[in-house]
Amino acid sequence: MKKNIGSKLALYPTPLVVVGTMVGGKPNWCLVGHLGIIGHDRVMVSMSDSHYTNQGIRAMNTLSINIVDEAMLEKADRAGCVSGTNSDKSELFAHHIAEGGVPIIDASPVSMVCTVDDVYKTEGFESFVCKIAATYADEAVLDEKGHLNYDVLKPVLFEMPTYRYLKTGDVLGECMTFGKE
């Protein structure tokens, strides 16, 4: 028998990312654990509406999504510990400016440049519906066909409600093979 635990969000863990944009002419970074896929070319990034970074996203209509791996976790966590309102986070990561003037993190194994198509507002949150304009990947995380290789790329996962970071685990098998007769 299952127990009703209320209206709890139970879709964790999710990949941990650092969102980048320009605010006041400087790069700003925000740690984000609430994001999702809404199509083959669209993603949604949900952030508290009080985040300083949101100002830049709304002004530029663009953002970067930088996947966090274990090597960059300490700096990524720092991006979530301080607000750009009170601290200059522009030099937290070595970065370069990509299409649309958006900063991407050099140490991130995969970065996506996105344009904002829509903003869905809920109580206390702004969810940016974004179209992926470009994806940059370190060659080390690509397979021989140029696809992302998650045996090598090991994104840090965010789990809630305990607010813990997790590692990706073991491969259980190939998709669409367990149910075949």
C-alpha atoms as a PDB file:
ATOM      1  CA  MET A   1       0.000   0.000   0.000  1.00  0.00           C
ATOM      2  CA  LYS A   2       1.346   3.423  -0.937  1.00  0.00           C
ATOM      3  CA  LYS A   3       1.147   6.317   1.505  1.00  0.00           C
ATOM      4  CA  ASN A   4      -0.013   9.761   0.326  1.00  0.00           C
ATOM      5  CA  ILE A   5       2.809  12.139   1.267  1.00  0.00           C
ATOM      6  CA  GLY A   6       1.119  15.248  -0.103  1.00  0.00           C
ATOM      7  CA  SER A   7       1.845  17.297  -3.197  1.00  0.00           C
ATOM      8  CA  LYS A   8       5.608  16.674  -3.162  1.00  0.00           C
ATOM      9  CA  LEU A   9       7.765  17.124  -6.226  1.00  0.00           C
ATOM     10  CA  ALA A  10       9.221  13.658  -6.731  1.00  0.00           C
ATOM     11  CA  LEU A  11      11.198  13.961  -9.969  1.00  0.00           C
ATOM     12  CA  TYR A  12      14.651  14.323  -8.435  1.00  0.00           C
ATOM     13  CA  PRO A  13      17.561  13.982  -8.913  1.00  0.00           C
ATOM     14  CA  THR A  14      18.211  16.427 -11.738  1.00  0.00           C
ATOM     15  CA  PRO A  15      21.482  17.544 -13.338  1.00  0.00           C
ATOM     16  CA  LEU A  16      23.155  20.415 -11.515  1.00  0.00           C
ATOM     17  CA  VAL A  17      24.011  23.397 -13.710  1.00  0.00           C
ATOM     18  CA  VAL A  18      25.367  26.904 -13.467  1.00  0.00           C
ATOM     19  CA  VAL A  19      23.349  29.427 -15.449  1.00  0.00           C
ATOM     20  CA  GLY A  20      25.295  32.337 -16.892  1.00  0.00           C
ATOM     21  CA  THR A  21      24.183  35.674 -18.246  1.00  0.00           C
ATOM     22  CA  MET A  22      25.359  39.276 -18.315  1.00  0.00           C
ATOM     23  CA  VAL A  23      24.116  41.700 -15.676  1.00  0.00           C
ATOM     24  CA  GLY A  24      25.271  45.287 -15.858  1.00  0.00           C
ATOM     25  CA  GLY A  25      27.903  44.410 -18.456  1.00  0.00           C
ATOM     26  CA  LYS A  26      29.481  41.654 -16.307  1.00  0.00           C
ATOM     27  CA  PRO A  27      29.067  37.886 -16.302  1.00  0.00           C
ATOM     28  CA  ASN A  28      26.949  36.559 -13.453  1.00  0.00           C
ATOM     29  CA  TRP A  29      26.529  32.943 -12.415  1.00  0.00           C
ATOM     30  CA  CYS A  30      23.731  31.174 -10.580  1.00  0.00           C
ATOM     31  CA  LEU A  31      23.610  27.561  -9.378  1.00  0.00           C
ATOM     32  CA  VAL A  32      20.404  25.879 -10.591  1.00  0.00           C
ATOM     33  CA  GLY A  33      18.939  22.478  -9.799  1.00  0.00           C
ATOM     34  CA  HIS A  34      15.459  23.018 -11.226  1.00  0.00           C
ATOM     35  CA  LEU A  35      15.457  22.450 -14.960  1.00  0.00           C
ATOM     36  CA  GLY A  36      13.912  20.121 -17.444  1.00  0.00           C
ATOM     37  CA  ILE A  37      13.510  19.008 -21.020  1.00  0.00           C
ATOM     38  CA  ILE A  38      10.321  20.115 -22.744  1.00  0.00           C
ATOM     39  CA  GLY A  39      11.102  18.962 -26.279  1.00  0.00           C
ATOM     40  CA  HIS A  40      14.022  17.945 -28.460  1.00  0.00           C
ATOM     41  CA  ASP A  41      15.135  21.563 -28.839  1.00  0.00           C
ATOM     42  CA  ARG A  42      13.688  23.268 -25.752  1.00  0.00           C
ATOM     43  CA  VAL A  43      14.546  23.304 -22.067  1.00  0.00           C
ATOM     44  CA  MET A  44      13.090  25.035 -19.054  1.00  0.00           C
ATOM     45  CA  VAL A  45      15.175  26.660 -16.339  1.00  0.00           C
ATOM     46  CA  SER A  46      13.242  27.505 -13.179  1.00  0.00           C
ATOM     47  CA  MET A  47      14.710  30.057 -10.782  1.00  0.00           C
ATOM     48  CA  SER A  48      13.492  31.961  -7.766  1.00  0.00           C
ATOM     49  CA  ASP A  49      12.187  35.291  -9.003  1.00  0.00           C
ATOM     50  CA  SER A  50      14.423  37.054  -6.463  1.00  0.00           C
ATOM     51  CA  HIS A  51      17.674  35.907  -8.119  1.00  0.00           C
ATOM     52  CA  TYR A  52      19.921  38.703  -9.357  1.00  0.00           C
ATOM     53  CA  THR A  53      20.688  36.622 -12.473  1.00  0.00           C
ATOM     54  CA  ASN A  54      17.068  36.860 -13.644  1.00  0.00           C
ATOM     55  CA  GLN A  55      17.577  40.577 -14.374  1.00  0.00           C
ATOM     56  CA  GLY A  56      20.220  39.737 -16.961  1.00  0.00           C
ATOM     57  CA  ILE A  57      18.210  36.912 -18.482  1.00  0.00           C
ATOM     58  CA  ARG A  58      15.186  39.174 -18.923  1.00  0.00           C
ATOM     59  CA  ALA A  59      17.321  42.004 -20.358  1.00  0.00           C
ATOM     60  CA  MET A  60      19.397  39.823 -22.734  1.00  0.00           C
ATOM     61  CA  ASN A  61      16.767  37.203 -23.530  1.00  0.00           C
ATOM     62  CA  THR A  62      19.595  34.674 -23.488  1.00  0.00           C
ATOM     63  CA  LEU A  63      21.458  32.488 -21.009  1.00  0.00           C
ATOM     64  CA  SER A  64      23.989  29.702 -20.827  1.00  0.00           C
ATOM     65  CA  ILE A  65      23.459  26.366 -19.144  1.00  0.00           C
ATOM     66  CA  ASN A  66      26.755  24.909 -17.943  1.00  0.00           C
ATOM     67  CA  ILE A  67      26.693  21.293 -16.733  1.00  0.00           C
ATOM     68  CA  VAL A  68      28.523  20.807 -13.447  1.00  0.00           C
ATOM     69  CA  ASP A  69      30.922  17.892 -13.048  1.00  0.00           C
ATOM     70  CA  GLU A  70      32.772  16.919  -9.897  1.00  0.00           C
ATOM     71  CA  ALA A  71      35.897  18.917 -10.823  1.00  0.00           C
ATOM     72  CA  MET A  72      33.973  22.216 -10.842  1.00  0.00           C
ATOM     73  CA  LEU A  73      31.584  21.458  -7.960  1.00  0.00           C
ATOM     74  CA  GLU A  74      33.261  23.667  -5.348  1.00  0.00           C
ATOM     75  CA  LYS A  75      33.064  26.801  -7.500  1.00  0.00           C
ATOM     76  CA  ALA A  76      29.570  25.881  -8.688  1.00  0.00           C
ATOM     77  CA  ASP A  77      28.426  25.531  -5.093  1.00  0.00           C
ATOM     78  CA  ARG A  78      29.944  28.950  -4.361  1.00  0.00           C
ATOM     79  CA  ALA A  79      27.814  30.403  -7.174  1.00  0.00           C
ATOM     80  CA  GLY A  80      24.784  29.256  -5.175  1.00  0.00           C
ATOM     81  CA  CYS A  81      26.034  30.462  -1.787  1.00  0.00           C
ATOM     82  CA  VAL A  82      26.311  34.160  -2.635  1.00  0.00           C
ATOM     83  CA  SER A  83      24.056  36.573  -4.492  1.00  0.00           C
ATOM     84  CA  GLY A  84      25.216  38.746  -7.347  1.00  0.00           C
ATOM     85  CA  THR A  85      23.346  41.555  -5.597  1.00  0.00           C
ATOM     86  CA  ASN A  86      26.003  41.555  -2.851  1.00  0.00           C
ATOM     87  CA  SER A  87      29.008  39.876  -4.504  1.00  0.00           C
ATOM     88  CA  ASP A  88      30.720  40.233  -7.866  1.00  0.00           C
ATOM     89  CA  LYS A  89      30.738  36.674  -9.251  1.00  0.00           C
ATOM     90  CA  SER A  90      32.079  37.696 -12.673  1.00  0.00           C
ATOM     91  CA  GLU A  91      35.515  36.158 -12.066  1.00  0.00           C
ATOM     92  CA  LEU A  92      34.332  33.011 -10.285  1.00  0.00           C
ATOM     93  CA  PHE A  93      34.866  30.967 -13.469  1.00  0.00           C
ATOM     94  CA  ALA A  94      37.227  31.283 -16.402  1.00  0.00           C
ATOM     95  CA  HIS A  95      34.847  31.877 -19.288  1.00  0.00           C
ATOM     96  CA  HIS A  96      34.428  33.226 -22.765  1.00  0.00           C
ATOM     97  CA  ILE A  97      31.613  35.032 -24.507  1.00  0.00           C
ATOM     98  CA  ALA A  98      29.589  32.976 -26.997  1.00  0.00           C
ATOM     99  CA  GLU A  99      26.742  33.741 -29.396  1.00  0.00           C
ATOM    100  CA  GLY A 100      24.353  36.430 -28.268  1.00  0.00           C
ATOM    101  CA  GLY A 101      26.914  37.849 -25.846  1.00  0.00           C
ATOM    102  CA  VAL A 102      26.319  35.159 -23.228  1.00  0.00           C
ATOM    103  CA  PRO A 103      29.180  33.887 -21.025  1.00  0.00           C
ATOM    104  CA  ILE A 104      29.966  30.153 -20.940  1.00  0.00           C
ATOM    105  CA  ILE A 105      32.201  28.424 -18.409  1.00  0.00           C
ATOM    106  CA  ASP A 106      35.434  27.019 -19.846  1.00  0.00           C
ATOM    107  CA  ALA A 107      35.668  24.247 -17.198  1.00  0.00           C
ATOM    108  CA  SER A 108      32.156  22.960 -17.829  1.00  0.00           C
ATOM    109  CA  PRO A 109      32.277  19.775 -19.911  1.00  0.00           C
ATOM    110  CA  VAL A 110      29.072  20.794 -21.725  1.00  0.00           C
ATOM    111  CA  SER A 111      27.577  24.264 -22.157  1.00  0.00           C
ATOM    112  CA  MET A 112      24.426  25.249 -23.981  1.00  0.00           C
ATOM    113  CA  VAL A 113      23.641  28.728 -25.281  1.00  0.00           C
ATOM    114  CA  CYS A 114      19.911  29.339 -25.134  1.00  0.00           C
ATOM    115  CA  THR A 115      17.478  32.044 -26.168  1.00  0.00           C
ATOM    116  CA  VAL A 116      14.414  32.657 -24.052  1.00  0.00           C
ATOM    117  CA  ASP A 117      11.138  31.942 -25.867  1.00  0.00           C
ATOM    118  CA  ASP A 118       8.794  32.500 -22.943  1.00  0.00           C
ATOM    119  CA  VAL A 119       8.668  33.028 -19.201  1.00  0.00           C
ATOM    120  CA  TYR A 120       6.213  31.049 -17.122  1.00  0.00           C
ATOM    121  CA  LYS A 121       5.640  32.643 -13.729  1.00  0.00           C
ATOM    122  CA  THR A 122       4.436  30.830 -10.645  1.00  0.00           C
ATOM    123  CA  GLU A 123       4.423  31.933  -7.032  1.00  0.00           C
ATOM    124  CA  GLY A 124       8.014  32.927  -6.276  1.00  0.00           C
ATOM    125  CA  PHE A 125       9.513  31.501  -9.470  1.00  0.00           C
ATOM    126  CA  GLU A 126      10.306  32.429 -13.047  1.00  0.00           C
ATOM    127  CA  SER A 127      10.622  29.489 -15.404  1.00  0.00           C
ATOM    128  CA  PHE A 128      12.472  30.412 -18.568  1.00  0.00           C
ATOM    129  CA  VAL A 129      11.407  28.351 -21.589  1.00  0.00           C
ATOM    130  CA  CYS A 130      14.461  28.323 -23.823  1.00  0.00           C
ATOM    131  CA  LYS A 131      15.441  27.236 -27.309  1.00  0.00           C
ATOM    132  CA  ILE A 132      18.907  25.732 -27.586  1.00  0.00           C
ATOM    133  CA  ALA A 133      20.959  27.834 -30.010  1.00  0.00           C
ATOM    134  CA  ALA A 134      24.291  26.000 -29.637  1.00  0.00           C
ATOM    135  CA  THR A 135      25.828  23.239 -27.539  1.00  0.00           C
ATOM    136  CA  TYR A 136      29.548  23.136 -26.795  1.00  0.00           C
ATOM    137  CA  ALA A 137      31.201  19.946 -25.508  1.00  0.00           C
ATOM    138  CA  ASP A 138      34.742  19.066 -24.566  1.00  0.00           C
ATOM    139  CA  GLU A 139      36.016  16.484 -27.042  1.00  0.00           C
ATOM    140  CA  ALA A 140      36.884  14.236 -24.081  1.00  0.00           C
ATOM    141  CA  VAL A 141      33.160  13.691 -23.342  1.00  0.00           C
ATOM    142  CA  LEU A 142      32.230  12.782 -26.921  1.00  0.00           C
ATOM    143  CA  ASP A 143      32.138   9.277 -28.388  1.00  0.00           C
ATOM    144  CA  GLU A 144      33.525   8.321 -31.795  1.00  0.00           C
ATOM    145  CA  LYS A 145      30.276   9.481 -33.460  1.00  0.00           C
ATOM    146  CA  GLY A 146      30.407  12.911 -31.779  1.00  0.00           C
ATOM    147  CA  HIS A 147      27.611  12.157 -29.303  1.00  0.00           C
ATOM    148  CA  LEU A 148      27.795  12.919 -25.593  1.00  0.00           C
ATOM    149  CA  ASN A 149      29.235   9.915 -23.771  1.00  0.00           C
ATOM    150  CA  TYR A 150      27.746   9.702 -20.284  1.00  0.00           C
ATOM    151  CA  ASP A 151      30.196   6.943 -19.357  1.00  0.00           C
ATOM    152  CA  VAL A 152      32.787   9.747 -19.425  1.00  0.00           C
ATOM    153  CA  LEU A 153      30.633  12.822 -18.782  1.00  0.00           C
ATOM    154  CA  LYS A 154      29.477  12.394 -15.223  1.00  0.00           C
ATOM    155  CA  PRO A 155      27.262  15.323 -14.328  1.00  0.00           C
ATOM    156  CA  VAL A 156      26.666  16.057 -10.670  1.00  0.00           C
ATOM    157  CA  LEU A 157      23.037  15.487  -9.737  1.00  0.00           C
ATOM    158  CA  PHE A 158      20.959  17.628  -7.370  1.00  0.00           C
ATOM    159  CA  GLU A 159      18.569  15.880  -5.001  1.00  0.00           C
ATOM    160  CA  MET A 160      15.819  17.530  -3.006  1.00  0.00           C
ATOM    161  CA  PRO A 161      14.464  17.801  -0.283  1.00  0.00           C
ATOM    162  CA  THR A 162      17.790  16.922   1.392  1.00  0.00           C
ATOM    163  CA  TYR A 163      19.784  19.349  -0.816  1.00  0.00           C
ATOM    164  CA  ARG A 164      22.532  16.844  -1.564  1.00  0.00           C
ATOM    165  CA  TYR A 165      24.784  16.363  -4.574  1.00  0.00           C
ATOM    166  CA  LEU A 166      24.982  12.871  -6.060  1.00  0.00           C
ATOM    167  CA  LYS A 167      27.168  11.074  -8.621  1.00  0.00           C
ATOM    168  CA  THR A 168      25.734   9.260 -11.602  1.00  0.00           C
ATOM    169  CA  GLY A 169      25.582   5.512 -11.118  1.00  0.00           C
ATOM    170  CA  ASP A 170      25.784   2.217 -12.892  1.00  0.00           C
ATOM    171  CA  VAL A 171      24.318   1.386 -16.298  1.00  0.00           C
ATOM    172  CA  LEU A 172      21.309  -0.909 -15.898  1.00  0.00           C
ATOM    173  CA  GLY A 173      20.908  -1.777 -19.571  1.00  0.00           C
ATOM    174  CA  GLU A 174      19.889  -0.502 -22.983  1.00  0.00           C
ATOM    175  CA  CYS A 175      16.596   1.374 -23.371  1.00  0.00           C
ATOM    176  CA  MET A 176      13.681  -0.439 -25.002  1.00  0.00           C
ATOM    177  CA  THR A 177      15.169  -3.905 -24.363  1.00  0.00           C
ATOM    178  CA  PHE A 178      13.661  -4.950 -21.014  1.00  0.00           C
ATOM    179  CA  GLY A 179      10.092  -5.072 -22.320  1.00  0.00           C
ATOM    180  CA  LYS A 180      10.800  -6.935 -25.562  1.00  0.00           C
ATOM    181  CA  GLU A 181       9.707 -10.530 -25.857  1.00  0.00           C
END
